[in-house]
Every structure is written in C-alpha cells, then in structure tokens.
Amino acid sequence: MSNSMEMSGEPSARPDRFQNVSAVEYRAALRRHPAGVTIVTLNSRGRPVGFTATSFASLSLDPPLVSFNITCTSSSIGALEVAESVVIHLLGAHQSPLAQRFSRSADERFADESLWSPLDTGEPVLHGTPTWIHGRVHQLIPAGDSVLVICRVVRVHWDEDGAGLHAPLLYHKGGYAAAMPLHE
C-alpha cells in the first residue's frame, strides 16, 4: 500500500513540504490535458435537466460503473441529488454546438424540442449522439467543491460507425477539438 494511505483507507499525516497549488496553476495544468465531452441529462419533476461534464470515466466492469463530477455551485446539483437515473451522452465532434448550448443558461438547454426526446423512464436523450449510457445513480461522494457521481450502467446505445463518421468531441486548452487517428 502506498505511504499516503493507511491500511484503513484514511490519508496519513503528510509532512509540511506538501503544499497546495493555486486555482490558476491547477487550471493551467489541466487545460493541457484533453478530455472527452459529455452531456448528462435527467428528469426532474417532469422537466428535463442537463449539463456538460468533461470528467466522465469508466470505473468498473463488474458491476458496470461509470462516474462524473458536478460542481456544488451548478444549477443542476439539486436535481441530480434526488435523481434516480441519468443519461450520459458521449458527444461526437459534430455536436460541438450542442456542447456550447449546454454550457449556457439552463433555460436555453432544452428550448429546442427537436433536439431531444424522453426515454420511457423520462430522461431526455439528445438526438444524433453516437453513444449514450443510461445509469442508475449509485453513489454521491462530496469531493472538495464538487460531487463525484457514481452510476451503475443499466443500458447502452451506440450508432455503428463503420465509416468513421463519429470522431469524439474533446475539450482542450479552453476550446472544442476532434480526435484524429494517428497513422504510423
């Protein structure tokens, strides 16, 4: 076990030589790491709620678990805290306008009803998304100024991409980008 964790799983005391970086330094470092762009949607009292998240990750194969973060100041945090399930949309590069829409005011996100339709369980699904994951909220873990959301995957959907039409949408250095295959 690493020397930063006791056997109980609790952090051990660290020497004073470990200091925090500033928020500016932290952001500057992470801007250099590309992240896949997702939109998380849910149903809140019969109304659609959604937000962008670049913190999506696979956690476990058995059981199938995924995670993402949401900041405690998000306008969607209250709805997420009581949600039973969510849909996580793994966006394609062709969906950068949709990612921009979901990073603006909550009132604008679902204003165009031609862009989405509800699942039989009520969560909105965004049309044209290459891959989406329906997850049951399994655990919410406070983590600094955010909440780590762990979901158990209950359904997946993907479009066949034989022609390579759905390059993933990335967020890198403050803007959207598309992933390109490397040729050796």
C-alpha atoms as a PDB file:
ATOM      1  CA  MET A   1       0.000   0.000   0.000  1.00  0.00           C
ATOM      2  CA  SER A   2       1.345   3.477  -0.783  1.00  0.00           C
ATOM      3  CA  ASN A   3       2.706   5.546   2.062  1.00  0.00           C
ATOM      4  CA  SER A   4      -0.050   8.148   1.541  1.00  0.00           C
ATOM      5  CA  MET A   5      -2.769   5.767   2.752  1.00  0.00           C
ATOM      6  CA  GLU A   6      -3.060   3.852   5.990  1.00  0.00           C
ATOM      7  CA  MET A   7      -4.469   0.322   5.893  1.00  0.00           C
ATOM      8  CA  SER A   8      -7.846   1.762   6.948  1.00  0.00           C
ATOM      9  CA  GLY A   9      -8.037   3.741   3.739  1.00  0.00           C
ATOM     10  CA  GLU A  10      -7.676   7.049   5.574  1.00  0.00           C
ATOM     11  CA  PRO A  11      -5.000   9.520   4.445  1.00  0.00           C
ATOM     12  CA  SER A  12      -1.902   9.506   6.639  1.00  0.00           C
ATOM     13  CA  ALA A  13      -0.366  12.687   8.017  1.00  0.00           C
ATOM     14  CA  ARG A  14       1.787  14.387   5.403  1.00  0.00           C
ATOM     15  CA  PRO A  15       4.842  16.475   6.041  1.00  0.00           C
ATOM     16  CA  ASP A  16       4.533  20.251   5.604  1.00  0.00           C
ATOM     17  CA  ARG A  17       6.573  20.095   2.398  1.00  0.00           C
ATOM     18  CA  PHE A  18       3.360  19.217   0.510  1.00  0.00           C
ATOM     19  CA  GLN A  19       1.581  22.432  -0.418  1.00  0.00           C
ATOM     20  CA  ASN A  20      -1.498  23.201  -2.456  1.00  0.00           C
ATOM     21  CA  VAL A  21      -1.224  24.746  -5.886  1.00  0.00           C
ATOM     22  CA  SER A  22      -3.309  27.789  -6.697  1.00  0.00           C
ATOM     23  CA  ALA A  23      -6.541  27.519  -8.669  1.00  0.00           C
ATOM     24  CA  VAL A  24      -4.806  29.364 -11.532  1.00  0.00           C
ATOM     25  CA  GLU A  25      -1.942  26.844 -11.641  1.00  0.00           C
ATOM     26  CA  TYR A  26      -4.328  23.909 -11.375  1.00  0.00           C
ATOM     27  CA  ARG A  27      -6.485  25.125 -14.275  1.00  0.00           C
ATOM     28  CA  ALA A  28      -3.431  25.933 -16.401  1.00  0.00           C
ATOM     29  CA  ALA A  29      -2.076  22.399 -15.992  1.00  0.00           C
ATOM     30  CA  LEU A  30      -5.383  20.660 -16.704  1.00  0.00           C
ATOM     31  CA  ARG A  31      -6.103  22.833 -19.781  1.00  0.00           C
ATOM     32  CA  ARG A  32      -3.247  20.937 -21.412  1.00  0.00           C
ATOM     33  CA  HIS A  33      -4.963  17.563 -20.961  1.00  0.00           C
ATOM     34  CA  PRO A  34      -7.749  16.806 -23.465  1.00  0.00           C
ATOM     35  CA  ALA A  35     -10.982  15.433 -22.055  1.00  0.00           C
ATOM     36  CA  GLY A  36     -13.954  13.826 -23.745  1.00  0.00           C
ATOM     37  CA  VAL A  37     -17.080  15.984 -23.683  1.00  0.00           C
ATOM     38  CA  THR A  38     -20.291  14.541 -22.291  1.00  0.00           C
ATOM     39  CA  ILE A  39     -23.720  15.922 -21.546  1.00  0.00           C
ATOM     40  CA  VAL A  40     -25.554  14.450 -18.582  1.00  0.00           C
ATOM     41  CA  THR A  41     -29.368  14.622 -18.674  1.00  0.00           C
ATOM     42  CA  LEU A  42     -32.050  13.703 -16.155  1.00  0.00           C
ATOM     43  CA  ASN A  43     -35.718  14.166 -15.426  1.00  0.00           C
ATOM     44  CA  SER A  44     -36.580  16.435 -12.504  1.00  0.00           C
ATOM     45  CA  ARG A  45     -40.279  16.599 -11.624  1.00  0.00           C
ATOM     46  CA  GLY A  46     -41.255  16.137 -15.260  1.00  0.00           C
ATOM     47  CA  ARG A  47     -38.746  18.718 -16.551  1.00  0.00           C
ATOM     48  CA  PRO A  48     -35.532  17.982 -18.435  1.00  0.00           C
ATOM     49  CA  VAL A  49     -32.261  18.968 -16.744  1.00  0.00           C
ATOM     50  CA  GLY A  50     -28.803  18.719 -18.275  1.00  0.00           C
ATOM     51  CA  PHE A  51     -25.212  19.921 -18.067  1.00  0.00           C
ATOM     52  CA  THR A  52     -21.834  19.331 -19.694  1.00  0.00           C
ATOM     53  CA  ALA A  53     -19.231  17.225 -17.933  1.00  0.00           C
ATOM     54  CA  THR A  54     -15.667  16.535 -19.034  1.00  0.00           C
ATOM     55  CA  SER A  55     -14.899  14.376 -16.009  1.00  0.00           C
ATOM     56  CA  PHE A  56     -16.550  11.177 -17.286  1.00  0.00           C
ATOM     57  CA  ALA A  57     -14.706   7.934 -16.503  1.00  0.00           C
ATOM     58  CA  SER A  58     -15.243   4.197 -16.534  1.00  0.00           C
ATOM     59  CA  LEU A  59     -14.846   2.752 -13.019  1.00  0.00           C
ATOM     60  CA  SER A  60     -15.717  -0.943 -13.048  1.00  0.00           C
ATOM     61  CA  LEU A  61     -16.646  -3.702 -15.458  1.00  0.00           C
ATOM     62  CA  ASP A  62     -18.321  -5.954 -12.865  1.00  0.00           C
ATOM     63  CA  PRO A  63     -20.575  -4.361 -11.866  1.00  0.00           C
ATOM     64  CA  PRO A  64     -20.585  -1.845 -14.732  1.00  0.00           C
ATOM     65  CA  LEU A  65     -19.937   1.548 -13.077  1.00  0.00           C
ATOM     66  CA  VAL A  66     -19.124   4.972 -14.533  1.00  0.00           C
ATOM     67  CA  SER A  67     -18.524   8.336 -12.882  1.00  0.00           C
ATOM     68  CA  PHE A  68     -18.536  12.072 -13.483  1.00  0.00           C
ATOM     69  CA  ASN A  69     -18.209  15.201 -11.350  1.00  0.00           C
ATOM     70  CA  ILE A  70     -20.548  18.137 -10.865  1.00  0.00           C
ATOM     71  CA  THR A  71     -19.618  21.324  -9.026  1.00  0.00           C
ATOM     72  CA  CYS A  72     -21.573  22.198  -5.902  1.00  0.00           C
ATOM     73  CA  THR A  73     -22.465  25.580  -7.448  1.00  0.00           C
ATOM     74  CA  SER A  74     -24.056  24.062 -10.572  1.00  0.00           C
ATOM     75  CA  SER A  75     -27.675  24.998 -11.229  1.00  0.00           C
ATOM     76  CA  SER A  76     -28.292  21.258 -11.770  1.00  0.00           C
ATOM     77  CA  ILE A  77     -26.893  19.957  -8.455  1.00  0.00           C
ATOM     78  CA  GLY A  78     -30.234  19.945  -6.594  1.00  0.00           C
ATOM     79  CA  ALA A  79     -31.965  17.939  -9.312  1.00  0.00           C
ATOM     80  CA  LEU A  80     -29.066  15.494  -9.503  1.00  0.00           C
ATOM     81  CA  GLU A  81     -29.035  14.924  -5.743  1.00  0.00           C
ATOM     82  CA  VAL A  82     -32.570  13.470  -5.896  1.00  0.00           C
ATOM     83  CA  ALA A  83     -32.360  11.809  -9.331  1.00  0.00           C
ATOM     84  CA  GLU A  84     -32.690   8.044  -9.592  1.00  0.00           C
ATOM     85  CA  SER A  85     -31.042   7.840 -13.008  1.00  0.00           C
ATOM     86  CA  VAL A  86     -29.272   9.836 -15.702  1.00  0.00           C
ATOM     87  CA  VAL A  87     -28.287   9.561 -19.347  1.00  0.00           C
ATOM     88  CA  ILE A  88     -24.651  10.307 -20.158  1.00  0.00           C
ATOM     89  CA  HIS A  89     -24.129  11.336 -23.788  1.00  0.00           C
ATOM     90  CA  LEU A  90     -20.635  10.769 -25.208  1.00  0.00           C
ATOM     91  CA  LEU A  91     -20.594  13.529 -27.801  1.00  0.00           C
ATOM     92  CA  GLY A  92     -19.248  13.370 -31.319  1.00  0.00           C
ATOM     93  CA  ALA A  93     -17.259  16.216 -32.897  1.00  0.00           C
ATOM     94  CA  HIS A  94     -20.342  17.129 -34.957  1.00  0.00           C
ATOM     95  CA  GLN A  95     -22.101  18.054 -31.677  1.00  0.00           C
ATOM     96  CA  SER A  96     -19.932  20.993 -30.583  1.00  0.00           C
ATOM     97  CA  PRO A  97     -22.921  23.393 -30.995  1.00  0.00           C
ATOM     98  CA  LEU A  98     -24.866  21.171 -28.593  1.00  0.00           C
ATOM     99  CA  ALA A  99     -21.988  21.238 -26.078  1.00  0.00           C
ATOM    100  CA  GLN A 100     -21.974  25.036 -26.322  1.00  0.00           C
ATOM    101  CA  ARG A 101     -25.761  25.151 -25.803  1.00  0.00           C
ATOM    102  CA  PHE A 102     -25.454  23.096 -22.603  1.00  0.00           C
ATOM    103  CA  SER A 103     -22.709  25.331 -21.236  1.00  0.00           C
ATOM    104  CA  ARG A 104     -25.025  28.370 -21.393  1.00  0.00           C
ATOM    105  CA  SER A 105     -28.088  29.299 -19.352  1.00  0.00           C
ATOM    106  CA  ALA A 106     -30.204  26.375 -18.107  1.00  0.00           C
ATOM    107  CA  ASP A 107     -33.272  27.939 -19.800  1.00  0.00           C
ATOM    108  CA  GLU A 108     -31.706  27.522 -23.260  1.00  0.00           C
ATOM    109  CA  ARG A 109     -30.555  23.892 -22.963  1.00  0.00           C
ATOM    110  CA  PHE A 110     -33.831  22.164 -23.839  1.00  0.00           C
ATOM    111  CA  ALA A 111     -35.581  25.077 -25.578  1.00  0.00           C
ATOM    112  CA  ASP A 112     -35.371  23.395 -28.996  1.00  0.00           C
ATOM    113  CA  GLU A 113     -37.535  20.295 -28.521  1.00  0.00           C
ATOM    114  CA  SER A 114     -36.453  18.908 -31.910  1.00  0.00           C
ATOM    115  CA  LEU A 115     -33.028  18.117 -30.403  1.00  0.00           C
ATOM    116  CA  TRP A 116     -34.197  15.537 -27.868  1.00  0.00           C
ATOM    117  CA  SER A 117     -36.865  13.080 -26.806  1.00  0.00           C
ATOM    118  CA  PRO A 118     -37.549  11.336 -23.480  1.00  0.00           C
ATOM    119  CA  LEU A 119     -36.845   7.702 -22.703  1.00  0.00           C
ATOM    120  CA  ASP A 120     -39.755   5.700 -21.313  1.00  0.00           C
ATOM    121  CA  THR A 121     -38.238   6.429 -17.871  1.00  0.00           C
ATOM    122  CA  GLY A 122     -38.365  10.202 -18.525  1.00  0.00           C
ATOM    123  CA  GLU A 123     -34.718  11.133 -19.048  1.00  0.00           C
ATOM    124  CA  PRO A 124     -34.012  13.217 -22.160  1.00  0.00           C
ATOM    125  CA  VAL A 125     -31.914  11.619 -24.914  1.00  0.00           C
ATOM    126  CA  LEU A 126     -30.157  14.010 -27.286  1.00  0.00           C
ATOM    127  CA  HIS A 127     -30.611  13.084 -30.958  1.00  0.00           C
ATOM    128  CA  GLY A 128     -27.537  12.322 -33.035  1.00  0.00           C
ATOM    129  CA  THR A 129     -25.367  11.287 -30.077  1.00  0.00           C
ATOM    130  CA  PRO A 130     -23.042   8.458 -31.197  1.00  0.00           C
ATOM    131  CA  THR A 131     -23.064   6.754 -27.787  1.00  0.00           C
ATOM    132  CA  TRP A 132     -25.153   7.189 -24.678  1.00  0.00           C
ATOM    133  CA  ILE A 133     -25.272   5.403 -21.355  1.00  0.00           C
ATOM    134  CA  HIS A 134     -28.328   5.117 -19.106  1.00  0.00           C
ATOM    135  CA  GLY A 135     -27.190   4.843 -15.496  1.00  0.00           C
ATOM    136  CA  ARG A 136     -28.886   4.431 -12.145  1.00  0.00           C
ATOM    137  CA  VAL A 137     -27.381   6.814  -9.593  1.00  0.00           C
ATOM    138  CA  HIS A 138     -25.453   4.523  -7.240  1.00  0.00           C
ATOM    139  CA  GLN A 139     -23.477   6.896  -5.013  1.00  0.00           C
ATOM    140  CA  LEU A 140     -22.801  10.611  -4.482  1.00  0.00           C
ATOM    141  CA  ILE A 141     -19.481  11.440  -2.838  1.00  0.00           C
ATOM    142  CA  PRO A 142     -18.624  15.013  -1.738  1.00  0.00           C
ATOM    143  CA  ALA A 143     -15.134  15.885  -3.005  1.00  0.00           C
ATOM    144  CA  GLY A 144     -13.877  19.432  -2.406  1.00  0.00           C
ATOM    145  CA  ASP A 145     -16.059  21.904  -4.310  1.00  0.00           C
ATOM    146  CA  SER A 146     -17.619  19.079  -6.352  1.00  0.00           C
ATOM    147  CA  VAL A 147     -19.616  15.893  -6.014  1.00  0.00           C
ATOM    148  CA  LEU A 148     -18.398  12.641  -7.553  1.00  0.00           C
ATOM    149  CA  VAL A 149     -21.381  10.808  -9.038  1.00  0.00           C
ATOM    150  CA  ILE A 150     -21.110   7.041  -9.485  1.00  0.00           C
ATOM    151  CA  CYS A 151     -23.719   5.362 -11.686  1.00  0.00           C
ATOM    152  CA  ARG A 152     -24.452   1.715 -12.360  1.00  0.00           C
ATOM    153  CA  VAL A 153     -24.910   1.230 -16.110  1.00  0.00           C
ATOM    154  CA  VAL A 154     -28.337  -0.229 -16.934  1.00  0.00           C
ATOM    155  CA  ARG A 155     -28.481   0.398 -20.699  1.00  0.00           C
ATOM    156  CA  VAL A 156     -26.143   1.439 -23.501  1.00  0.00           C
ATOM    157  CA  HIS A 157     -26.760   2.662 -27.019  1.00  0.00           C
ATOM    158  CA  TRP A 158     -24.293   3.303 -29.823  1.00  0.00           C
ATOM    159  CA  ASP A 159     -24.501   4.036 -33.516  1.00  0.00           C
ATOM    160  CA  GLU A 160     -22.482   1.801 -35.774  1.00  0.00           C
ATOM    161  CA  ASP A 161     -19.604   3.913 -37.045  1.00  0.00           C
ATOM    162  CA  GLY A 162     -18.265   1.862 -39.939  1.00  0.00           C
ATOM    163  CA  ALA A 163     -17.431   4.937 -41.982  1.00  0.00           C
ATOM    164  CA  GLY A 164     -15.681   6.721 -39.088  1.00  0.00           C
ATOM    165  CA  LEU A 165     -18.310   9.463 -39.038  1.00  0.00           C
ATOM    166  CA  HIS A 166     -18.330   9.977 -35.286  1.00  0.00           C
ATOM    167  CA  ALA A 167     -14.988  11.306 -34.119  1.00  0.00           C
ATOM    168  CA  PRO A 168     -15.222  12.080 -30.403  1.00  0.00           C
ATOM    169  CA  LEU A 169     -15.584  15.664 -29.195  1.00  0.00           C
ATOM    170  CA  LEU A 170     -12.743  16.787 -26.938  1.00  0.00           C
ATOM    171  CA  TYR A 171     -12.222  19.815 -24.719  1.00  0.00           C
ATOM    172  CA  HIS A 172      -8.624  21.061 -24.831  1.00  0.00           C
ATOM    173  CA  LYS A 173      -6.960  24.389 -23.989  1.00  0.00           C
ATOM    174  CA  GLY A 174     -10.312  26.109 -23.463  1.00  0.00           C
ATOM    175  CA  GLY A 175     -11.938  25.018 -26.725  1.00  0.00           C
ATOM    176  CA  TYR A 176     -13.501  22.094 -28.553  1.00  0.00           C
ATOM    177  CA  ALA A 177     -11.470  19.767 -30.757  1.00  0.00           C
ATOM    178  CA  ALA A 178     -11.886  16.477 -32.598  1.00  0.00           C
ATOM    179  CA  ALA A 179      -9.735  13.415 -32.072  1.00  0.00           C
ATOM    180  CA  MET A 180      -7.890  12.202 -35.137  1.00  0.00           C
ATOM    181  CA  PRO A 181      -6.366   8.754 -35.640  1.00  0.00           C
ATOM    182  CA  LEU A 182      -2.586   8.636 -35.824  1.00  0.00           C
ATOM    183  CA  HIS A 183      -1.107   6.926 -38.858  1.00  0.00           C
ATOM    184  CA  GLU A 184       2.153   5.146 -38.358  1.00  0.00           C
END
